[in-house]
C-alpha atoms as a PDB file:
ATOM      1  CA  MET A   1     101.533  72.846 105.375  1.00  0.00           C
ATOM      2  CA  ASN A   2     102.685  75.365 102.773  1.00  0.00           C
ATOM      3  CA  MET A   3     100.786  74.493  99.609  1.00  0.00           C
ATOM      4  CA  ASN A   4      99.870  76.701  96.670  1.00  0.00           C
ATOM      5  CA  ARG A   5      96.395  76.769  95.160  1.00  0.00           C
ATOM      6  CA  ARG A   6      97.232  74.567  92.178  1.00  0.00           C
ATOM      7  CA  GLN A   7      98.839  71.899  94.412  1.00  0.00           C
ATOM      8  CA  TRP A   8      95.854  72.026  96.806  1.00  0.00           C
ATOM      9  CA  LEU A   9      93.352  71.545  94.005  1.00  0.00           C
ATOM     10  CA  HIS A  10      95.402  68.712  92.559  1.00  0.00           C
ATOM     11  CA  ALA A  11      95.652  66.946  95.934  1.00  0.00           C
ATOM     12  CA  GLY A  12      91.929  67.319  96.552  1.00  0.00           C
ATOM     13  CA  ALA A  13      91.081  65.952  93.140  1.00  0.00           C
ATOM     14  CA  CYS A  14      93.285  62.921  93.646  1.00  0.00           C
ATOM     15  CA  SER A  15      91.806  62.078  97.072  1.00  0.00           C
ATOM     16  CA  SER A  16      88.196  62.477  95.936  1.00  0.00           C
ATOM     17  CA  LEU A  17      88.733  60.539  92.721  1.00  0.00           C
ATOM     18  CA  GLY A  18      90.895  57.783  94.103  1.00  0.00           C
ATOM     19  CA  LEU A  19      89.356  54.972  92.106  1.00  0.00           C
ATOM     20  CA  ALA A  20      89.511  57.068  88.939  1.00  0.00           C
ATOM     21  CA  TRP A  21      93.303  57.532  89.170  1.00  0.00           C
ATOM     22  CA  PRO A  22      94.231  54.464  87.038  1.00  0.00           C
ATOM     23  CA  HIS A  23      92.003  55.817  84.266  1.00  0.00           C
ATOM     24  CA  MET A  24      93.602  59.264  84.526  1.00  0.00           C
ATOM     25  CA  ALA A  25      97.086  57.745  84.364  1.00  0.00           C
ATOM     26  CA  SER A  26      96.047  55.782  81.286  1.00  0.00           C
ATOM     27  CA  ALA A  27      94.738  58.918  79.592  1.00  0.00           C
ATOM     28  CA  GLN A  28      98.016  60.647  80.393  1.00  0.00           C
ATOM     29  CA  SER A  29      99.985  57.847  78.748  1.00  0.00           C
ATOM     30  CA  GLU A  30      97.916  58.282  75.588  1.00  0.00           C
ATOM     31  CA  PHE A  31      98.987  61.922  75.157  1.00  0.00           C
ATOM     32  CA  PRO A  32      98.099  63.567  72.877  1.00  0.00           C
ATOM     33  CA  SER A  33      94.458  62.612  72.480  1.00  0.00           C
ATOM     34  CA  ARG A  34      93.239  65.983  71.161  1.00  0.00           C
ATOM     35  CA  PRO A  35      94.644  69.048  69.348  1.00  0.00           C
ATOM     36  CA  ILE A  36      97.476  71.064  70.880  1.00  0.00           C
ATOM     37  CA  THR A  37      97.447  74.866  70.808  1.00  0.00           C
ATOM     38  CA  PHE A  38     100.618  76.890  70.260  1.00  0.00           C
ATOM     39  CA  VAL A  39     100.083  80.402  71.612  1.00  0.00           C
ATOM     40  CA  VAL A  40     102.232  83.086  69.986  1.00  0.00           C
ATOM     41  CA  PRO A  41     102.157  86.204  72.201  1.00  0.00           C
ATOM     42  CA  PHE A  42     102.601  88.558  69.237  1.00  0.00           C
ATOM     43  CA  THR A  43     100.734  89.358  66.036  1.00  0.00           C
ATOM     44  CA  ALA A  44     100.840  87.082  63.009  1.00  0.00           C
ATOM     45  CA  GLY A  45     103.600  87.616  60.492  1.00  0.00           C
ATOM     46  CA  GLY A  46     106.542  88.239  62.810  1.00  0.00           C
ATOM     47  CA  GLY A  47     109.637  86.077  63.275  1.00  0.00           C
ATOM     48  CA  GLY A  48     108.232  84.227  66.294  1.00  0.00           C
ATOM     49  CA  ASP A  49     105.025  83.490  64.411  1.00  0.00           C
ATOM     50  CA  MET A  50     106.952  82.066  61.462  1.00  0.00           C
ATOM     51  CA  VAL A  51     108.978  79.737  63.691  1.00  0.00           C
ATOM     52  CA  ALA A  52     105.857  78.638  65.585  1.00  0.00           C
ATOM     53  CA  ARG A  53     104.034  77.701  62.394  1.00  0.00           C
ATOM     54  CA  LEU A  54     107.007  75.729  61.094  1.00  0.00           C
ATOM     55  CA  MET A  55     107.270  73.799  64.365  1.00  0.00           C
ATOM     56  CA  ALA A  56     103.500  73.293  64.585  1.00  0.00           C
ATOM     57  CA  LYS A  57     103.298  71.761  61.129  1.00  0.00           C
ATOM     58  CA  HIS A  58     105.972  69.148  61.728  1.00  0.00           C
ATOM     59  CA  LEU A  59     105.094  68.505  65.369  1.00  0.00           C
ATOM     60  CA  GLY A  60     101.509  67.763  64.367  1.00  0.00           C
ATOM     61  CA  GLU A  61     102.750  65.219  61.851  1.00  0.00           C
ATOM     62  CA  ARG A  62     105.043  63.693  64.470  1.00  0.00           C
ATOM     63  CA  LEU A  63     102.425  63.412  67.210  1.00  0.00           C
ATOM     64  CA  LYS A  64      99.590  62.578  64.796  1.00  0.00           C
ATOM     65  CA  THR A  65      97.357  65.362  66.044  1.00  0.00           C
ATOM     66  CA  ALA A  66      96.517  68.904  64.996  1.00  0.00           C
ATOM     67  CA  VAL A  67      98.770  71.647  66.368  1.00  0.00           C
ATOM     68  CA  VAL A  68      96.946  74.964  66.043  1.00  0.00           C
ATOM     69  CA  VAL A  69      98.747  78.330  66.182  1.00  0.00           C
ATOM     70  CA  GLU A  70      96.859  81.073  68.027  1.00  0.00           C
ATOM     71  CA  ASN A  71      98.101  84.682  68.225  1.00  0.00           C
ATOM     72  CA  LYS A  72      97.404  86.509  71.494  1.00  0.00           C
ATOM     73  CA  ALA A  73      99.232  89.825  71.213  1.00  0.00           C
ATOM     74  CA  GLY A  74      99.563  92.711  73.616  1.00  0.00           C
ATOM     75  CA  ALA A  75     101.621  94.121  76.489  1.00  0.00           C
ATOM     76  CA  GLY A  76     104.918  93.093  74.905  1.00  0.00           C
ATOM     77  CA  GLY A  77     103.926  89.431  74.931  1.00  0.00           C
ATOM     78  CA  THR A  78     102.658  89.320  78.515  1.00  0.00           C
ATOM     79  CA  ILE A  79      98.992  88.769  77.614  1.00  0.00           C
ATOM     80  CA  GLY A  80      99.734  85.603  75.646  1.00  0.00           C
ATOM     81  CA  SER A  81     102.226  84.360  78.217  1.00  0.00           C
ATOM     82  CA  ALA A  82      99.778  84.840  81.090  1.00  0.00           C
ATOM     83  CA  HIS A  83      97.051  83.028  79.142  1.00  0.00           C
ATOM     84  CA  VAL A  84      99.233  79.943  78.754  1.00  0.00           C
ATOM     85  CA  LEU A  85     100.668  79.935  82.261  1.00  0.00           C
ATOM     86  CA  ARG A  86      97.154  80.091  83.740  1.00  0.00           C
ATOM     87  CA  SER A  87      95.885  77.250  81.553  1.00  0.00           C
ATOM     88  CA  PRO A  88      95.536  73.629  82.741  1.00  0.00           C
ATOM     89  CA  PRO A  89      98.981  71.971  82.984  1.00  0.00           C
ATOM     90  CA  ASP A  90      98.126  69.107  80.658  1.00  0.00           C
ATOM     91  CA  GLY A  91     100.411  69.791  77.691  1.00  0.00           C
ATOM     92  CA  TYR A  92      97.666  70.953  75.360  1.00  0.00           C
ATOM     93  CA  THR A  93      98.242  74.712  75.638  1.00  0.00           C
ATOM     94  CA  LEU A  94     101.846  75.735  75.009  1.00  0.00           C
ATOM     95  CA  LEU A  95     103.698  79.022  74.751  1.00  0.00           C
ATOM     96  CA  ASN A  96     105.997  79.926  71.875  1.00  0.00           C
ATOM     97  CA  MET A  97     108.270  82.175  73.855  1.00  0.00           C
ATOM     98  CA  SER A  98     111.257  84.226  72.763  1.00  0.00           C
ATOM     99  CA  SER A  99     113.989  86.264  74.374  1.00  0.00           C
ATOM    100  CA  SER A 100     111.352  88.978  74.856  1.00  0.00           C
ATOM    101  CA  TYR A 101     109.830  86.779  77.572  1.00  0.00           C
ATOM    102  CA  ALA A 102     112.968  87.095  79.700  1.00  0.00           C
ATOM    103  CA  MET A 103     113.098  90.828  79.029  1.00  0.00           C
ATOM    104  CA  GLN A 104     109.484  91.348  80.075  1.00  0.00           C
ATOM    105  CA  ALA A 105     110.115  89.331  83.208  1.00  0.00           C
ATOM    106  CA  ALA A 106     113.174  91.431  84.014  1.00  0.00           C
ATOM    107  CA  THR A 107     111.631  94.825  83.444  1.00  0.00           C
ATOM    108  CA  THR A 108     107.886  94.772  84.122  1.00  0.00           C
ATOM    109  CA  ASN A 109     105.486  93.507  86.786  1.00  0.00           C
ATOM    110  CA  VAL A 110     104.251  90.416  84.946  1.00  0.00           C
ATOM    111  CA  PRO A 111     101.186  88.690  86.489  1.00  0.00           C
ATOM    112  CA  PHE A 112     103.016  85.405  87.049  1.00  0.00           C
ATOM    113  CA  ASP A 113     106.317  84.088  88.329  1.00  0.00           C
ATOM    114  CA  PRO A 114     108.455  83.931  85.159  1.00  0.00           C
ATOM    115  CA  VAL A 115     110.475  80.942  86.406  1.00  0.00           C
ATOM    116  CA  ARG A 116     108.357  78.977  88.902  1.00  0.00           C
ATOM    117  CA  ASP A 117     105.144  79.126  86.841  1.00  0.00           C
ATOM    118  CA  VAL A 118     106.820  77.745  83.709  1.00  0.00           C
ATOM    119  CA  GLN A 119     107.560  74.225  82.535  1.00  0.00           C
ATOM    120  CA  PRO A 120     110.349  74.551  79.950  1.00  0.00           C
ATOM    121  CA  LEU A 121     110.084  72.116  77.040  1.00  0.00           C
ATOM    122  CA  VAL A 122     112.753  72.942  74.462  1.00  0.00           C
ATOM    123  CA  MET A 123     114.989  75.745  73.217  1.00  0.00           C
ATOM    124  CA  VAL A 124     114.261  75.863  69.491  1.00  0.00           C
ATOM    125  CA  SER A 125     116.666  78.314  67.883  1.00  0.00           C
ATOM    126  CA  ARG A 126     119.040  81.212  68.293  1.00  0.00           C
ATOM    127  CA  ASP A 127     119.801  83.929  65.759  1.00  0.00           C
ATOM    128  CA  PRO A 128     121.435  87.351  65.795  1.00  0.00           C
ATOM    129  CA  GLY A 129     119.562  90.595  65.646  1.00  0.00           C
ATOM    130  CA  VAL A 130     119.886  92.963  62.712  1.00  0.00           C
ATOM    131  CA  ILE A 131     119.119  96.697  62.718  1.00  0.00           C
ATOM    132  CA  LEU A 132     117.192  97.915  59.687  1.00  0.00           C
ATOM    133  CA  VAL A 133     116.354 101.278  58.135  1.00  0.00           C
ATOM    134  CA  ASN A 134     114.149 102.311  55.251  1.00  0.00           C
ATOM    135  CA  ALA A 135     115.804 101.698  51.877  1.00  0.00           C
ATOM    136  CA  ASN A 136     115.900 105.466  51.257  1.00  0.00           C
ATOM    137  CA  SER A 137     117.448 106.320  54.622  1.00  0.00           C
ATOM    138  CA  LYS A 138     120.672 108.330  54.683  1.00  0.00           C
ATOM    139  CA  LEU A 139     121.943 106.004  57.404  1.00  0.00           C
ATOM    140  CA  ARG A 140     124.092 103.262  55.871  1.00  0.00           C
ATOM    141  CA  ASN A 141     126.075 101.807  58.792  1.00  0.00           C
ATOM    142  CA  GLY A 142     126.651 101.956  62.545  1.00  0.00           C
ATOM    143  CA  LYS A 143     128.850 105.036  62.371  1.00  0.00           C
ATOM    144  CA  ASP A 144     126.150 106.946  60.479  1.00  0.00           C
ATOM    145  CA  LEU A 145     123.680 105.975  63.192  1.00  0.00           C
ATOM    146  CA  TYR A 146     126.054 107.091  65.931  1.00  0.00           C
ATOM    147  CA  GLN A 147     126.737 110.470  64.335  1.00  0.00           C
ATOM    148  CA  ALA A 148     123.060 111.174  63.583  1.00  0.00           C
ATOM    149  CA  ALA A 149     122.018 110.258  67.122  1.00  0.00           C
ATOM    150  CA  LYS A 150     124.816 112.373  68.627  1.00  0.00           C
ATOM    151  CA  GLN A 151     123.866 115.397  66.563  1.00  0.00           C
ATOM    152  CA  ASN A 152     120.121 115.018  67.221  1.00  0.00           C
ATOM    153  CA  PRO A 153     119.585 113.506  70.704  1.00  0.00           C
ATOM    154  CA  GLY A 154     116.235 111.750  70.981  1.00  0.00           C
ATOM    155  CA  ARG A 155     115.191 112.578  67.413  1.00  0.00           C
ATOM    156  CA  LEU A 156     115.797 109.190  65.767  1.00  0.00           C
ATOM    157  CA  THR A 157     112.824 106.858  66.268  1.00  0.00           C
ATOM    158  CA  TYR A 158     112.786 103.075  66.443  1.00  0.00           C
ATOM    159  CA  GLY A 159     109.821 100.703  66.540  1.00  0.00           C
ATOM    160  CA  SER A 160     109.216  97.525  68.513  1.00  0.00           C
ATOM    161  CA  ALA A 161     106.522  94.981  69.340  1.00  0.00           C
ATOM    162  CA  GLY A 162     106.109  96.622  72.734  1.00  0.00           C
ATOM    163  CA  ILE A 163     107.843  97.799  75.878  1.00  0.00           C
ATOM    164  CA  GLY A 164     110.322  95.262  77.199  1.00  0.00           C
ATOM    165  CA  THR A 165     110.642  93.302  73.943  1.00  0.00           C
ATOM    166  CA  ILE A 166     113.963  92.510  72.273  1.00  0.00           C
ATOM    167  CA  ALA A 167     113.373  95.230  69.663  1.00  0.00           C
ATOM    168  CA  HIS A 168     112.987  97.728  72.512  1.00  0.00           C
ATOM    169  CA  LEU A 169     115.689  96.685  74.974  1.00  0.00           C
ATOM    170  CA  GLY A 170     118.064  95.638  72.204  1.00  0.00           C
ATOM    171  CA  MET A 171     117.998  99.186  70.849  1.00  0.00           C
ATOM    172  CA  GLU A 172     118.323 100.635  74.348  1.00  0.00           C
ATOM    173  CA  ALA A 173     121.384  98.441  74.855  1.00  0.00           C
ATOM    174  CA  LEU A 174     122.912  99.782  71.627  1.00  0.00           C
ATOM    175  CA  ALA A 175     122.130 103.373  72.648  1.00  0.00           C
ATOM    176  CA  PHE A 176     123.817 102.705  75.993  1.00  0.00           C
ATOM    177  CA  HIS A 177     126.964 101.306  74.369  1.00  0.00           C
ATOM    178  CA  MET A 178     127.064 104.182  71.871  1.00  0.00           C
ATOM    179  CA  GLY A 179     126.301 106.818  74.490  1.00  0.00           C
ATOM    180  CA  VAL A 180     123.343 108.250  72.546  1.00  0.00           C
ATOM    181  CA  GLN A 181     119.587 108.731  72.958  1.00  0.00           C
ATOM    182  CA  MET A 182     116.831 107.542  70.622  1.00  0.00           C
ATOM    183  CA  GLN A 183     113.038 107.576  70.853  1.00  0.00           C
ATOM    184  CA  HIS A 184     111.077 104.350  71.289  1.00  0.00           C
ATOM    185  CA  VAL A 185     107.767 103.856  69.433  1.00  0.00           C
ATOM    186  CA  PRO A 186     105.983 100.711  70.733  1.00  0.00           C
ATOM    187  CA  TYR A 187     103.482  98.722  68.638  1.00  0.00           C
ATOM    188  CA  LYS A 188     101.319  95.667  69.321  1.00  0.00           C
ATOM    189  CA  GLY A 189     103.447  93.512  67.032  1.00  0.00           C
ATOM    190  CA  SER A 190     106.648  93.519  65.013  1.00  0.00           C
ATOM    191  CA  SER A 191     104.807  93.363  61.673  1.00  0.00           C
ATOM    192  CA  GLN A 192     103.079  96.675  62.442  1.00  0.00           C
ATOM    193  CA  ALA A 193     106.383  98.302  63.350  1.00  0.00           C
ATOM    194  CA  PHE A 194     107.935  96.929  60.176  1.00  0.00           C
ATOM    195  CA  ASN A 195     105.155  98.382  58.023  1.00  0.00           C
ATOM    196  CA  ASP A 196     105.880 101.806  59.482  1.00  0.00           C
ATOM    197  CA  LEU A 197     109.587 101.325  58.803  1.00  0.00           C
ATOM    198  CA  LEU A 198     108.759 100.617  55.150  1.00  0.00           C
ATOM    199  CA  SER A 199     106.592 103.734  54.956  1.00  0.00           C
ATOM    200  CA  GLY A 200     109.237 105.896  56.593  1.00  0.00           C
ATOM    201  CA  SER A 201     107.143 106.695  59.675  1.00  0.00           C
ATOM    202  CA  ILE A 202     109.949 105.455  61.933  1.00  0.00           C
ATOM    203  CA  ASP A 203     113.703 105.524  61.351  1.00  0.00           C
ATOM    204  CA  LEU A 204     114.940 102.197  62.694  1.00  0.00           C
ATOM    205  CA  MET A 205     113.942  98.738  63.793  1.00  0.00           C
ATOM    206  CA  LEU A 206     115.764  95.820  65.357  1.00  0.00           C
ATOM    207  CA  THR A 207     114.574  92.419  64.194  1.00  0.00           C
ATOM    208  CA  THR A 208     116.073  88.996  63.490  1.00  0.00           C
ATOM    209  CA  SER A 209     117.701  87.491  60.434  1.00  0.00           C
ATOM    210  CA  THR A 210     114.725  85.087  60.246  1.00  0.00           C
ATOM    211  CA  TYR A 211     112.399  88.001  59.625  1.00  0.00           C
ATOM    212  CA  GLY A 212     114.574  90.635  57.991  1.00  0.00           C
ATOM    213  CA  ALA A 213     116.898  88.853  55.554  1.00  0.00           C
ATOM    214  CA  SER A 214     114.485  88.508  52.643  1.00  0.00           C
ATOM    215  CA  PHE A 215     113.538  92.197  52.857  1.00  0.00           C
ATOM    216  CA  VAL A 216     117.204  93.220  52.876  1.00  0.00           C
ATOM    217  CA  LYS A 217     117.930  91.002  49.866  1.00  0.00           C
ATOM    218  CA  SER A 218     114.955  92.425  47.961  1.00  0.00           C
ATOM    219  CA  GLY A 219     116.146  95.982  48.610  1.00  0.00           C
ATOM    220  CA  ARG A 220     113.041  97.026  50.556  1.00  0.00           C
ATOM    221  CA  VAL A 221     115.156  97.850  53.619  1.00  0.00           C
ATOM    222  CA  HIS A 222     118.834  98.409  54.375  1.00  0.00           C
ATOM    223  CA  ALA A 223     120.760  96.693  57.199  1.00  0.00           C
ATOM    224  CA  LEU A 224     123.053  98.886  59.311  1.00  0.00           C
ATOM    225  CA  GLY A 225     124.665  95.980  61.105  1.00  0.00           C
ATOM    226  CA  ILE A 226     124.390  92.488  62.546  1.00  0.00           C
ATOM    227  CA  CYS A 227     124.076  92.310  66.332  1.00  0.00           C
ATOM    228  CA  GLY A 228     125.815  88.928  66.700  1.00  0.00           C
ATOM    229  CA  SER A 229     129.470  88.299  67.443  1.00  0.00           C
ATOM    230  CA  GLU A 230     130.131  87.322  63.816  1.00  0.00           C
ATOM    231  CA  ARG A 231     128.569  87.789  60.404  1.00  0.00           C
ATOM    232  CA  THR A 232     125.680  85.581  59.396  1.00  0.00           C
ATOM    233  CA  ASP A 233     125.649  83.385  56.289  1.00  0.00           C
ATOM    234  CA  VAL A 234     122.249  84.709  55.256  1.00  0.00           C
ATOM    235  CA  LEU A 235     123.538  88.332  55.123  1.00  0.00           C
ATOM    236  CA  PRO A 236     127.298  87.907  54.666  1.00  0.00           C
ATOM    237  CA  GLN A 237     127.774  91.438  53.304  1.00  0.00           C
ATOM    238  CA  VAL A 238     126.445  93.096  56.477  1.00  0.00           C
ATOM    239  CA  PRO A 239     129.148  93.802  59.094  1.00  0.00           C
ATOM    240  CA  THR A 240     128.590  93.261  62.800  1.00  0.00           C
ATOM    241  CA  PHE A 241     128.495  96.123  65.265  1.00  0.00           C
ATOM    242  CA  VAL A 242     131.534  94.474  66.855  1.00  0.00           C
ATOM    243  CA  GLU A 243     133.413  95.052  63.584  1.00  0.00           C
ATOM    244  CA  GLN A 244     132.138  98.611  63.421  1.00  0.00           C
ATOM    245  CA  GLY A 245     133.600  99.608  66.760  1.00  0.00           C
ATOM    246  CA  TRP A 246     131.175  98.443  69.487  1.00  0.00           C
ATOM    247  CA  PRO A 247     132.738  95.195  70.800  1.00  0.00           C
ATOM    248  CA  ASP A 248     130.370  94.896  73.769  1.00  0.00           C
ATOM    249  CA  TYR A 249     127.200  94.999  71.714  1.00  0.00           C
ATOM    250  CA  VAL A 250     126.234  91.385  71.031  1.00  0.00           C
ATOM    251  CA  LEU A 251     122.575  90.409  70.930  1.00  0.00           C
ATOM    252  CA  TYR A 252     120.843  87.181  69.951  1.00  0.00           C
ATOM    253  CA  ASP A 253     117.171  86.374  69.804  1.00  0.00           C
ATOM    254  CA  TRP A 254     116.015  82.898  70.739  1.00  0.00           C
ATOM    255  CA  LYS A 255     112.792  80.999  70.281  1.00  0.00           C
ATOM    256  CA  ALA A 256     111.558  78.281  72.638  1.00  0.00           C
ATOM    257  CA  ILE A 257     108.474  76.318  73.662  1.00  0.00           C
ATOM    258  CA  ALA A 258     107.169  75.988  77.202  1.00  0.00           C
ATOM    259  CA  GLY A 259     103.984  75.340  79.114  1.00  0.00           C
ATOM    260  CA  PRO A 260     102.497  75.986  82.539  1.00  0.00           C
ATOM    261  CA  ALA A 261     104.195  74.448  85.567  1.00  0.00           C
ATOM    262  CA  GLY A 262     102.738  71.129  86.622  1.00  0.00           C
ATOM    263  CA  ILE A 263     102.678  69.294  83.280  1.00  0.00           C
ATOM    264  CA  PRO A 264     103.133  65.570  84.080  1.00  0.00           C
ATOM    265  CA  PRO A 265     106.750  64.394  83.579  1.00  0.00           C
ATOM    266  CA  GLN A 266     105.687  61.770  81.033  1.00  0.00           C
ATOM    267  CA  VAL A 267     104.000  64.447  78.897  1.00  0.00           C
ATOM    268  CA  VAL A 268     107.048  66.721  79.227  1.00  0.00           C
ATOM    269  CA  GLN A 269     109.249  63.859  78.023  1.00  0.00           C
ATOM    270  CA  THR A 270     106.920  63.086  75.093  1.00  0.00           C
ATOM    271  CA  LEU A 271     106.833  66.707  73.955  1.00  0.00           C
ATOM    272  CA  ASN A 272     110.574  67.272  74.390  1.00  0.00           C
ATOM    273  CA  LYS A 273     111.457  64.167  72.384  1.00  0.00           C
ATOM    274  CA  ALA A 274     108.990  64.994  69.611  1.00  0.00           C
ATOM    275  CA  MET A 275     110.247  68.588  69.387  1.00  0.00           C
ATOM    276  CA  ASN A 276     113.867  67.474  69.219  1.00  0.00           C
ATOM    277  CA  ASP A 277     112.899  64.988  66.513  1.00  0.00           C
ATOM    278  CA  VAL A 278     111.312  67.840  64.547  1.00  0.00           C
ATOM    279  CA  LEU A 279     114.479  69.933  64.889  1.00  0.00           C
ATOM    280  CA  ALA A 280     116.470  67.019  63.487  1.00  0.00           C
ATOM    281  CA  LEU A 281     114.382  66.817  60.288  1.00  0.00           C
ATOM    282  CA  ASP A 282     116.296  67.765  57.133  1.00  0.00           C
ATOM    283  CA  ALA A 283     113.486  70.065  55.967  1.00  0.00           C
ATOM    284  CA  VAL A 284     113.537  71.956  59.270  1.00  0.00           C
ATOM    285  CA  LYS A 285     117.330  72.164  59.413  1.00  0.00           C
ATOM    286  CA  GLU A 286     117.432  73.486  55.854  1.00  0.00           C
ATOM    287  CA  LYS A 287     114.771  76.113  56.573  1.00  0.00           C
ATOM    288  CA  PHE A 288     116.631  77.412  59.629  1.00  0.00           C
ATOM    289  CA  ARG A 289     119.959  77.294  57.787  1.00  0.00           C
ATOM    290  CA  ALA A 290     118.508  79.321  54.901  1.00  0.00           C
ATOM    291  CA  ASP A 291     117.356  81.945  57.416  1.00  0.00           C
ATOM    292  CA  GLY A 292     120.737  82.075  59.137  1.00  0.00           C
ATOM    293  CA  VAL A 293     119.366  80.580  62.344  1.00  0.00           C
ATOM    294  CA  ALA A 294     121.157  78.117  64.626  1.00  0.00           C
ATOM    295  CA  ILE A 295     119.088  75.197  65.946  1.00  0.00           C
ATOM    296  CA  VAL A 296     119.573  74.538  69.667  1.00  0.00           C
ATOM    297  CA  GLY A 297     117.341  71.713  70.932  1.00  0.00           C
ATOM    298  CA  GLY A 298     118.300  69.631  73.962  1.00  0.00           C
ATOM    299  CA  SER A 299     116.638  69.013  77.308  1.00  0.00           C
ATOM    300  CA  PRO A 300     114.207  71.344  79.116  1.00  0.00           C
ATOM    301  CA  ASP A 301     117.099  72.263  81.430  1.00  0.00           C
ATOM    302  CA  VAL A 302     118.763  74.209  78.602  1.00  0.00           C
ATOM    303  CA  LEU A 303     115.788  76.561  78.420  1.00  0.00           C
ATOM    304  CA  ALA A 304     115.425  76.733  82.205  1.00  0.00           C
ATOM    305  CA  LYS A 305     119.037  77.918  82.590  1.00  0.00           C
ATOM    306  CA  THR A 306     118.643  80.457  79.783  1.00  0.00           C
ATOM    307  CA  LEU A 307     115.594  81.969  81.472  1.00  0.00           C
ATOM    308  CA  ARG A 308     117.357  82.365  84.812  1.00  0.00           C
ATOM    309  CA  ASP A 309     120.532  83.791  83.281  1.00  0.00           C
ATOM    310  CA  GLU A 310     118.879  86.253  80.913  1.00  0.00           C
ATOM    311  CA  ILE A 311     116.354  87.614  83.394  1.00  0.00           C
ATOM    312  CA  GLY A 312     119.286  88.501  85.659  1.00  0.00           C
ATOM    313  CA  ALA A 313     121.346  89.993  82.841  1.00  0.00           C
ATOM    314  CA  TRP A 314     118.531  92.221  81.556  1.00  0.00           C
ATOM    315  CA  LYS A 315     117.723  93.440  85.058  1.00  0.00           C
ATOM    316  CA  ALA A 316     121.355  94.545  85.359  1.00  0.00           C
ATOM    317  CA  LEU A 317     121.360  96.283  81.954  1.00  0.00           C
ATOM    318  CA  VAL A 318     118.163  98.214  82.642  1.00  0.00           C
ATOM    319  CA  LYS A 319     119.603  99.442  85.934  1.00  0.00           C
ATOM    320  CA  ARG A 320     122.961 100.457  84.417  1.00  0.00           C
ATOM    321  CA  ALA A 321     121.396 102.203  81.410  1.00  0.00           C
ATOM    322  CA  ASN A 322     118.533 103.810  83.381  1.00  0.00           C
ATOM    323  CA  VAL A 323     116.019 102.464  80.855  1.00  0.00           C
ATOM    324  CA  VAL A 324     112.412 103.538  81.397  1.00  0.00           C
ATOM    325  CA  VAL A 325     110.214 100.475  80.942  1.00  0.00           C
ATOM    326  CA  GLN A 326     106.863 101.561  82.355  1.00  0.00           C
END
C-alpha cells in the first residue's frame, strides 16, 4: 500500500483510538475551540501583513475566537510557509500567502510540495503592482527607466522582500520585456526594502497599491507606472506600463489564506464560509476599495487553480528570461 507518513499516522491513530472517535468528531464540529494563528511569511508592516491583520480582526469576531497574526520572515517567504505546512492539519495554523508563494514554488527548491501539501481556503484579493522611486529621483516614468537602464546596464538597483518574491520576479519580468538589465538587492521584508528606497540606497521597488498608494499621495515616493492592465482608482494619475509602450507587461499581486493538507472538510467549509462572510462586510469592502484592491473570494478551488496556473507561468518566464534565482 502506498501511504505517506501523515496518512499512516492518521490511520494508526484512528485504529488505536477507535472508541474515542465520536469524541474527536464532536470536537471537530465545535471548531474553533481555541485561538487561530495567521502566519505571515514576511516582516510586519508590508502589504501582506496589512491584509492579514484586517482579515484576522474580522474573522475573529465572526468565529468568536482570537485570531493572532504571527510574522515568520525569511527565504522569500519559504520559512513561514514551511512552518504552516508542517503544522497539524486542524485549521488552527493558517498561512497568509501571496503571489510570492507561487513564485517561490516555481523558482526555488522549497522544502514541501507547493500544491499537494496545501489546503486552499480562500483567495482574498487581487491588486496591481506599482513601481516606485525615491521622490528626488530623476526617473519620472517608464521611458525614463528604460533609457537609464539601457545607458547603464546593471547599474540601477531595485529592492525586494527576497529572491523569488513578486518584487524580485516582477522587476525581472519588466527588465525582460524592456530588454534591459538591473541589479537585484534582496531584503528579509518589503518594509526594509522600502526604507532603503526612501533613503535613496536603492533606485526602485515594485510593490502593490495597497502598500504604496499613501506614500505616493504624500509625496514621499514617485510612481513610474502601474503594472495592471488598466489604471487604478487609488492612483488614477499614474499610467500603466501598457499605456507607456509595454503591452505584455501586466502583473497583479494576490493575497490568499491556506493551511496544511489534511484539514477536515467540515473545518475547511467553516473557514471558507467565515472568510467569504468577512469579505462581504461593508467595512472590509470599503477598506479594499480605498486601497484600489479587488476582492475575490469564492471556493477553495479558485485558489487551487491559481496556484497551479501561476507556478507553471513563472517557471516558463524564468526559463525564457534566464533569471538567476539561487
